[in-house]
C-alpha atoms as a PDB file:
ATOM      1  CA  GLN A   1      15.279  -0.229  13.821  1.00  0.00           C
ATOM      2  CA  VAL A   2      12.520  -0.598  11.229  1.00  0.00           C
ATOM      3  CA  GLN A   3      12.864   0.642   7.678  1.00  0.00           C
ATOM      4  CA  LEU A   4      10.112   0.595   5.057  1.00  0.00           C
ATOM      5  CA  VAL A   5      10.852   1.054   1.360  1.00  0.00           C
ATOM      6  CA  GLU A   6       7.984   1.391  -1.110  1.00  0.00           C
ATOM      7  CA  SER A   7       8.370   0.873  -4.844  1.00  0.00           C
ATOM      8  CA  GLY A   8       6.417   0.114  -7.994  1.00  0.00           C
ATOM      9  CA  GLY A   9       4.606   3.378  -8.577  1.00  0.00           C
ATOM     10  CA  GLY A  10       4.504   5.273 -11.819  1.00  0.00           C
ATOM     11  CA  LEU A  11       2.332   6.854 -14.464  1.00  0.00           C
ATOM     12  CA  VAL A  12      -0.538   4.759 -15.762  1.00  0.00           C
ATOM     13  CA  GLN A  13      -3.618   5.431 -17.870  1.00  0.00           C
ATOM     14  CA  PRO A  14      -7.114   5.061 -16.430  1.00  0.00           C
ATOM     15  CA  GLY A  15      -8.100   1.414 -16.365  1.00  0.00           C
ATOM     16  CA  GLY A  16      -4.513   0.277 -16.065  1.00  0.00           C
ATOM     17  CA  SER A  17      -2.773  -1.701 -13.351  1.00  0.00           C
ATOM     18  CA  LEU A  18       0.192  -1.393 -11.040  1.00  0.00           C
ATOM     19  CA  ARG A  19       1.697  -3.555  -8.334  1.00  0.00           C
ATOM     20  CA  LEU A  20       3.303  -1.840  -5.390  1.00  0.00           C
ATOM     21  CA  SER A  21       5.840  -3.470  -3.119  1.00  0.00           C
ATOM     22  CA  CYS A  22       6.956  -2.628   0.384  1.00  0.00           C
ATOM     23  CA  ALA A  23      10.191  -4.162   1.567  1.00  0.00           C
ATOM     24  CA  ALA A  24      10.756  -4.072   5.300  1.00  0.00           C
ATOM     25  CA  SER A  25      13.717  -4.590   7.549  1.00  0.00           C
ATOM     26  CA  GLY A  26      13.702  -4.976  11.290  1.00  0.00           C
ATOM     27  CA  ILE A  27      10.123  -6.241  11.417  1.00  0.00           C
ATOM     28  CA  ARG A  28       8.509  -9.648  11.593  1.00  0.00           C
ATOM     29  CA  PHE A  29       5.471  -9.723   9.325  1.00  0.00           C
ATOM     30  CA  SER A  30       4.344 -12.905  11.003  1.00  0.00           C
ATOM     31  CA  THR A  31       3.374 -10.918  14.102  1.00  0.00           C
ATOM     32  CA  ASN A  32       2.364  -7.565  12.615  1.00  0.00           C
ATOM     33  CA  THR A  33      -0.656  -6.304  10.763  1.00  0.00           C
ATOM     34  CA  MET A  34       0.463  -4.233   7.781  1.00  0.00           C
ATOM     35  CA  GLY A  35      -1.390  -1.815   5.580  1.00  0.00           C
ATOM     36  CA  TRP A  36      -1.233   0.483   2.596  1.00  0.00           C
ATOM     37  CA  TYR A  37      -1.977   4.174   2.892  1.00  0.00           C
ATOM     38  CA  ARG A  38      -2.272   6.921   0.344  1.00  0.00           C
ATOM     39  CA  GLN A  39      -2.157  10.678   0.456  1.00  0.00           C
ATOM     40  CA  ALA A  40      -3.502  12.742  -2.412  1.00  0.00           C
ATOM     41  CA  PRO A  41      -2.670  16.425  -2.838  1.00  0.00           C
ATOM     42  CA  GLY A  42      -4.609  18.517  -0.356  1.00  0.00           C
ATOM     43  CA  LYS A  43      -6.014  15.486   1.456  1.00  0.00           C
ATOM     44  CA  GLN A  44      -5.325  13.559   4.623  1.00  0.00           C
ATOM     45  CA  ARG A  45      -3.414  10.312   4.525  1.00  0.00           C
ATOM     46  CA  GLU A  46      -5.858   7.421   4.582  1.00  0.00           C
ATOM     47  CA  LEU A  47      -5.600   3.698   5.143  1.00  0.00           C
ATOM     48  CA  VAL A  48      -6.903   1.910   2.060  1.00  0.00           C
ATOM     49  CA  ALA A  49      -6.023  -1.730   2.758  1.00  0.00           C
ATOM     50  CA  SER A  50      -4.649  -3.884   5.548  1.00  0.00           C
ATOM     51  CA  PHE A  51      -3.579  -7.475   6.032  1.00  0.00           C
ATOM     52  CA  THR A  52      -3.504  -9.020   9.477  1.00  0.00           C
ATOM     53  CA  SER A  53      -1.016 -11.583  10.684  1.00  0.00           C
ATOM     54  CA  GLY A  54      -3.879 -14.074  10.595  1.00  0.00           C
ATOM     55  CA  GLY A  55      -4.449 -13.507   6.886  1.00  0.00           C
ATOM     56  CA  ALA A  56      -7.529 -11.272   6.940  1.00  0.00           C
ATOM     57  CA  ALA A  57      -7.634  -8.506   4.339  1.00  0.00           C
ATOM     58  CA  MET A  58      -9.641  -5.309   4.727  1.00  0.00           C
ATOM     59  CA  TYR A  59     -10.329  -2.512   2.229  1.00  0.00           C
ATOM     60  CA  VAL A  60     -12.015   0.840   2.165  1.00  0.00           C
ATOM     61  CA  ASP A  61     -15.104   0.959  -0.020  1.00  0.00           C
ATOM     62  CA  SER A  62     -13.463   3.121  -2.667  1.00  0.00           C
ATOM     63  CA  VAL A  63     -10.972   0.389  -3.623  1.00  0.00           C
ATOM     64  CA  LYS A  64     -12.951  -2.796  -2.985  1.00  0.00           C
ATOM     65  CA  GLY A  65     -12.958  -5.066  -5.999  1.00  0.00           C
ATOM     66  CA  ARG A  66     -10.035  -3.243  -7.572  1.00  0.00           C
ATOM     67  CA  PHE A  67      -7.154  -3.494  -5.077  1.00  0.00           C
ATOM     68  CA  THR A  68      -5.700  -6.618  -3.502  1.00  0.00           C
ATOM     69  CA  ILE A  69      -3.294  -6.621  -0.587  1.00  0.00           C
ATOM     70  CA  SER A  70      -1.019  -9.565   0.046  1.00  0.00           C
ATOM     71  CA  ARG A  71       2.072 -10.377   2.044  1.00  0.00           C
ATOM     72  CA  ASP A  72       5.023 -12.708   1.945  1.00  0.00           C
ATOM     73  CA  ASN A  73       6.267 -13.205   5.469  1.00  0.00           C
ATOM     74  CA  ALA A  74       9.355 -15.090   4.320  1.00  0.00           C
ATOM     75  CA  LYS A  75      10.415 -12.079   2.240  1.00  0.00           C
ATOM     76  CA  ASN A  76       9.168  -9.459   4.715  1.00  0.00           C
ATOM     77  CA  THR A  77       7.284  -7.846   1.867  1.00  0.00           C
ATOM     78  CA  VAL A  78       3.741  -6.561   1.473  1.00  0.00           C
ATOM     79  CA  TYR A  79       2.158  -5.932  -1.928  1.00  0.00           C
ATOM     80  CA  LEU A  80      -0.720  -3.946  -3.311  1.00  0.00           C
ATOM     81  CA  GLN A  81      -2.110  -5.040  -6.656  1.00  0.00           C
ATOM     82  CA  MET A  82      -4.096  -2.175  -8.148  1.00  0.00           C
ATOM     83  CA  ASN A  83      -6.401  -2.806 -11.091  1.00  0.00           C
ATOM     84  CA  SER A  84      -8.911  -0.644 -12.930  1.00  0.00           C
ATOM     85  CA  LEU A  85      -7.119   2.459 -11.756  1.00  0.00           C
ATOM     86  CA  LYS A  86      -8.952   5.762 -11.703  1.00  0.00           C
ATOM     87  CA  PRO A  87      -7.667   9.340 -11.664  1.00  0.00           C
ATOM     88  CA  GLU A  88      -8.834   9.665  -8.065  1.00  0.00           C
ATOM     89  CA  ASP A  89      -6.350   6.938  -7.121  1.00  0.00           C
ATOM     90  CA  THR A  90      -3.539   9.394  -7.816  1.00  0.00           C
ATOM     91  CA  ALA A  91      -1.542   9.765  -4.614  1.00  0.00           C
ATOM     92  CA  VAL A  92       1.655   8.925  -2.842  1.00  0.00           C
ATOM     93  CA  TYR A  93       1.316   5.410  -1.463  1.00  0.00           C
ATOM     94  CA  TYR A  94       2.913   4.276   1.779  1.00  0.00           C
ATOM     95  CA  CYS A  95       3.024   1.090   3.776  1.00  0.00           C
ATOM     96  CA  ASN A  96       2.990   0.944   7.545  1.00  0.00           C
ATOM     97  CA  ARG A  97       1.532  -0.715  10.609  1.00  0.00           C
ATOM     98  CA  PRO A  98      -1.939   0.603  11.458  1.00  0.00           C
ATOM     99  CA  ARG A  99      -1.381   0.090  15.166  1.00  0.00           C
ATOM    100  CA  ASP A 100       1.553   2.121  16.466  1.00  0.00           C
ATOM    101  CA  PRO A 101       3.072   3.033  13.064  1.00  0.00           C
ATOM    102  CA  PHE A 102       6.768   2.925  12.387  1.00  0.00           C
ATOM    103  CA  ASP A 103       8.670   5.828  10.869  1.00  0.00           C
ATOM    104  CA  TRP A 104       7.215   6.533   7.447  1.00  0.00           C
ATOM    105  CA  GLY A 105       9.120   5.688   4.311  1.00  0.00           C
ATOM    106  CA  GLN A 106       9.405   7.928   1.275  1.00  0.00           C
ATOM    107  CA  GLY A 107       6.354   6.422  -0.393  1.00  0.00           C
ATOM    108  CA  THR A 108       5.885   5.761  -4.082  1.00  0.00           C
ATOM    109  CA  GLN A 109       4.014   8.061  -6.447  1.00  0.00           C
ATOM    110  CA  VAL A 110       1.061   6.710  -8.391  1.00  0.00           C
ATOM    111  CA  THR A 111      -0.327   8.952 -11.107  1.00  0.00           C
ATOM    112  CA  VAL A 112      -3.384   7.920 -13.103  1.00  0.00           C
ATOM    113  CA  SER A 113      -3.889  10.147 -16.114  1.00  0.00           C
ATOM    114  CA  SER A 114      -4.576   9.981 -19.826  1.00  0.00           C
END
């Protein structure tokens, strides 16, 4: 059984920063690519960043230079450092495995507003 628990979201002003965490149980990060997704109101859920077991990070163009994904295999935790946040970053953020996703967690709400 795999369980994913996201945390760290909140309300932040434009230009601010947040760090999201995803704590996992029942999964070995050492053998799994993990990613961060987001779903804004009225939009499809999209993959915004991923981190392979080999240490390669990938980002969609809209977050390049602002977001950084990292992982701690010993803690079974994946992080998303978000800087220079924009209103369009407002969404519920989820972590999951891009290939053959696990059951989705509850996500964590990120709201960027003045």
